[in-house]
Amino acid sequence: MPFLIAAVVVLAVLLLLNLLLTFGIIRKLRAGQADPYAADDLMLPTGSRMPEFEAETLDGERISAETLRNALIGFVSTTCSACKDQLPHFVEVARTHQELGRTVVTFVHGDEENARELAEPLRGLGHVVIEDADEGPTEKAFRVEGYPVFGIVDATGTLTASSISAKRLPAPAPVPVG
């Protein structure tokens, strides 16, 4: 009987030690992780200057990197189910940015018909650019590797934040007047 009690005590101590080590490893892994919603691997990394590009909006307006100062940008695709899920959140965030005087530019990649349908909720929310899904110029310029991806650009034309979730972007600051 004493042998059984000793074995149970030893096993209990070993299990507790294992549990403590497991929690320690999990804690270290979580501490070393970057923001899982950051999208530095889906587009230009945070801190990058906006690339030179030119595109035409649905309204026939020409935009360039200069347009993206103090802007919210978004890249969505017609073939992406997550884009369709994120679009209502992006529209909500875009309205907030627009109310604060910030520019909103959405790049929709896909065939013309489906892209126009996806872009419909974005009408009146800044600029909407539709590009062919087969590596359009903005997709190349911004090094877009996946969808959806959203970002905030400051007054100097530098990407200050990016995310795969529009709601996870930092709150916008009003654009200074003057």
Protein backbone atom coordinates (compact mmCIF):
# COMPACT_ATOMS: atom_id res chain seq x y z
CA MET A 1 0.00 0.00 0.00
CA PRO A 2 2.76 2.56 0.79
CA PHE A 3 4.20 1.85 -2.66
CA LEU A 4 0.89 2.85 -4.32
CA ILE A 5 0.63 6.05 -2.29
CA ALA A 6 4.20 7.00 -3.21
CA ALA A 7 3.51 6.30 -6.92
CA VAL A 8 0.35 8.46 -6.88
CA VAL A 9 2.20 11.31 -5.15
CA VAL A 10 5.07 11.14 -7.65
CA LEU A 11 2.62 11.12 -10.59
CA ALA A 12 0.67 14.05 -9.14
CA VAL A 13 3.89 16.08 -8.73
CA LEU A 14 4.95 15.22 -12.30
CA LEU A 15 1.52 16.24 -13.67
CA LEU A 16 1.63 19.56 -11.82
CA LEU A 17 5.15 20.21 -13.10
CA ASN A 18 4.02 19.38 -16.64
CA LEU A 19 1.04 21.72 -16.31
CA LEU A 20 3.24 24.58 -15.07
CA LEU A 21 5.71 24.08 -17.92
CA THR A 22 2.89 24.01 -20.48
CA PHE A 23 1.44 27.28 -19.16
CA GLY A 24 4.91 28.83 -19.24
CA ILE A 25 5.43 27.81 -22.87
CA ILE A 26 2.02 29.13 -23.90
CA ARG A 27 2.70 32.41 -22.14
CA LYS A 28 6.07 32.79 -23.91
CA LEU A 29 4.50 32.02 -27.29
CA ARG A 30 1.74 34.58 -26.78
CA ALA A 31 4.19 37.24 -25.63
CA GLY A 32 6.29 36.74 -28.77
CA GLN A 33 3.37 36.97 -31.17
CA ALA A 34 2.67 40.09 -33.15
CA ASP A 35 -0.89 41.29 -33.62
CA PRO A 36 -2.64 38.42 -35.46
CA TYR A 37 -4.75 40.97 -37.35
CA ALA A 38 -1.75 42.94 -38.61
CA ALA A 39 -1.45 42.64 -42.35
CA ASP A 40 2.20 43.43 -42.98
CA ASP A 41 2.50 40.19 -44.87
CA LEU A 42 -0.52 40.91 -47.10
CA MET A 43 0.58 44.31 -48.38
CA LEU A 44 3.30 46.90 -47.92
CA PRO A 45 4.66 46.75 -44.36
CA THR A 46 3.62 49.37 -41.83
CA GLY A 47 5.96 52.35 -42.11
CA SER A 48 6.18 52.15 -45.91
CA ARG A 49 5.63 55.18 -48.10
CA MET A 50 2.78 54.93 -50.57
CA PRO A 51 4.01 53.69 -53.95
CA GLU A 52 3.64 55.72 -57.11
CA PHE A 53 0.58 54.64 -59.05
CA GLU A 54 -2.26 56.01 -61.14
CA ALA A 55 -5.75 54.59 -61.32
CA GLU A 56 -9.17 55.60 -62.52
CA THR A 57 -12.15 55.51 -60.16
CA LEU A 58 -15.65 54.36 -61.02
CA ASP A 59 -16.54 58.05 -61.39
CA GLY A 60 -13.81 58.53 -64.02
CA GLU A 61 -11.54 60.49 -61.68
CA ARG A 62 -7.75 59.93 -61.80
CA ILE A 63 -6.11 59.22 -58.46
CA SER A 64 -2.48 58.73 -57.45
CA ALA A 65 -0.31 58.29 -54.38
CA GLU A 66 -0.98 61.94 -53.55
CA THR A 67 -4.69 61.08 -53.10
CA LEU A 68 -3.81 58.67 -50.32
CA ARG A 69 -2.57 61.26 -47.82
CA ASN A 70 -4.73 61.13 -44.67
CA ALA A 71 -6.61 58.16 -46.06
CA LEU A 72 -8.24 54.89 -45.23
CA ILE A 73 -7.48 52.32 -47.91
CA GLY A 74 -8.98 48.93 -48.52
CA PHE A 75 -8.28 46.07 -50.87
CA VAL A 76 -11.06 43.55 -51.47
CA SER A 77 -11.65 40.87 -54.07
CA THR A 78 -14.75 39.41 -55.66
CA THR A 79 -13.45 35.88 -55.09
CA CYS A 80 -12.88 36.35 -51.35
CA SER A 81 -15.60 35.26 -48.91
CA ALA A 82 -13.88 37.07 -46.02
CA CYS A 83 -14.07 40.29 -48.07
CA LYS A 84 -17.83 39.98 -48.28
CA ASP A 85 -17.96 39.41 -44.51
CA GLN A 86 -15.67 42.39 -43.81
CA LEU A 87 -17.33 44.82 -46.25
CA PRO A 88 -20.11 46.03 -43.87
CA HIS A 89 -17.48 46.69 -41.17
CA PHE A 90 -15.29 48.53 -43.68
CA VAL A 91 -18.26 50.68 -44.78
CA GLU A 92 -18.90 51.60 -41.12
CA VAL A 93 -15.23 52.47 -40.52
CA ALA A 94 -15.09 54.37 -43.84
CA ARG A 95 -18.05 56.55 -42.83
CA THR A 96 -16.25 57.49 -39.61
CA HIS A 97 -13.08 58.38 -41.54
CA GLN A 98 -15.04 60.39 -44.09
CA GLU A 99 -16.85 62.34 -41.35
CA LEU A 100 -13.44 63.33 -39.95
CA GLY A 101 -12.31 64.69 -43.32
CA ARG A 102 -10.17 61.73 -44.29
CA THR A 103 -10.08 60.27 -47.79
CA VAL A 104 -11.37 56.75 -48.37
CA VAL A 105 -10.07 54.69 -51.29
CA THR A 106 -11.20 51.14 -51.97
CA PHE A 107 -9.56 48.93 -54.55
CA VAL A 108 -11.85 46.14 -55.75
CA HIS A 109 -10.16 43.35 -57.66
CA GLY A 110 -12.16 41.05 -59.88
CA ASP A 111 -14.12 40.86 -63.08
CA GLU A 112 -16.03 44.04 -63.92
CA GLU A 113 -19.57 42.78 -63.27
CA ASN A 114 -18.87 41.14 -59.89
CA ALA A 115 -16.60 43.99 -58.83
CA ARG A 116 -19.32 46.57 -59.49
CA GLU A 117 -21.74 44.50 -57.42
CA LEU A 118 -19.25 44.20 -54.53
CA ALA A 119 -18.49 47.93 -54.75
CA GLU A 120 -22.14 49.03 -54.59
CA PRO A 121 -22.20 49.57 -50.77
CA LEU A 122 -19.09 51.76 -51.18
CA ARG A 123 -20.76 54.29 -53.48
CA GLY A 124 -20.53 57.74 -51.93
CA LEU A 125 -17.71 56.67 -49.61
CA GLY A 126 -14.73 58.18 -51.32
CA HIS A 127 -13.02 56.65 -54.31
CA VAL A 128 -13.64 53.17 -55.67
CA VAL A 129 -11.19 51.65 -58.14
CA ILE A 130 -11.99 48.42 -59.97
CA GLU A 131 -9.13 46.40 -61.39
CA ASP A 132 -8.86 43.13 -63.20
CA ALA A 133 -8.07 40.32 -60.76
CA ASP A 134 -5.03 39.26 -62.78
CA GLU A 135 -2.43 41.42 -61.09
CA GLY A 136 -3.63 44.95 -61.70
CA PRO A 137 -1.23 47.89 -61.32
CA THR A 138 -2.30 48.83 -57.78
CA GLU A 139 -2.13 45.22 -56.66
CA LYS A 140 1.48 45.14 -57.84
CA ALA A 141 2.33 48.60 -56.47
CA PHE A 142 0.99 47.81 -53.00
CA ARG A 143 2.35 44.24 -53.09
CA VAL A 144 -1.06 42.82 -52.18
CA GLU A 145 -0.70 39.13 -51.39
CA GLY A 146 -4.16 38.41 -49.94
CA TYR A 147 -7.60 39.82 -49.27
CA PRO A 148 -9.12 41.58 -47.47
CA VAL A 149 -6.53 44.06 -46.28
CA PHE A 150 -7.13 47.56 -44.94
CA GLY A 151 -4.78 50.36 -43.96
CA ILE A 152 -4.43 53.90 -42.67
CA VAL A 153 -2.15 56.38 -44.38
CA ASP A 154 -0.96 59.55 -42.62
CA ALA A 155 -0.42 63.07 -44.00
CA THR A 156 3.08 62.22 -45.18
CA GLY A 157 1.85 59.30 -47.28
CA THR A 158 3.14 56.63 -44.88
CA LEU A 159 1.19 53.50 -44.03
CA THR A 160 0.72 53.71 -40.26
CA ALA A 161 -1.48 50.66 -39.67
CA SER A 162 -2.84 47.68 -41.55
CA SER A 163 -5.19 44.86 -40.70
CA ILE A 164 -7.26 42.09 -42.18
CA SER A 165 -10.14 43.43 -40.08
CA ALA A 166 -11.38 46.98 -40.67
CA LYS A 167 -12.66 47.14 -37.08
CA ARG A 168 -9.15 46.40 -35.74
CA LEU A 169 -7.62 49.54 -37.27
CA PRO A 170 -6.83 52.33 -34.79
CA ALA A 171 -9.41 55.07 -34.38
CA PRO A 172 -8.94 57.84 -36.94
CA ALA A 173 -7.80 61.31 -36.02
CA PRO A 174 -9.47 64.31 -37.63
CA VAL A 175 -7.58 65.83 -40.53
CA PRO A 176 -6.20 69.23 -39.53
CA VAL A 177 -7.82 72.09 -41.43
CA GLY A 178 -5.52 74.51 -43.20
